[in-house]
Amino acid sequence: MATADDIARVQESWSWASGDLAGVGKVFYATLFELEGSTKELFANVEIEEVQALRLMQMVNTGVSLLDKPETLLPVLEQLGQRHAGYGVVDAHYPVAEQALLKTLVKLLGAKITPEIAESWRKVWAIIAEYMLKGTHSPTGQRLLKVWGKKGRRRPYLRHRWCVFRL
């Protein structure tokens, strides 16, 4: 369980990295693909360098800013989990994404990411993954996952309509 101190450490350390969101996103995706090459198929025909890297980090930025407002953040994470099921994201991808995020922060910030800060990120990630997986396993998430499979691993139409969520 993440404490108020964990949230403060995550928010502070994110502020050190978030000056160039697109750059952080590029490092994240390079790290993700290095750790688990099969995740590349989830992004077929998606412009990682110019579009997706920035979009993802804008979402992370918003999420980090809402960590102290769980009544707002948690329902959004469930909806995000539903959408990600529709993109073909499965349970096994979440630990890899956690690893990629932590490695990205270490690559960008080096020794500033102390063991204590890394542990705070792990605790926060556990909450993020828990609520996104609730969305994945919801009836809507499972329906979208089936659509993904029926389309021969192509992204469903929903993917083309994706945009950064607004609160």
Foldseek 3Di string as FASTA:
>chain_A
DFDPVLLVLQLVLCVVVPPPQLVLLVQLVVQLCVLPVVCVLLQVPNDRNPPVSNLVSVLVNVLSVCPVPCVPNLVVLLVVLLVVLLSVDDLVSLVSSLVSNLVSSCVVPPCVCPPSNNVSSVVVSVSSSVSSVNSCPDPSNVVSNVVCVVVVNDRDPVVVVDGRDDD
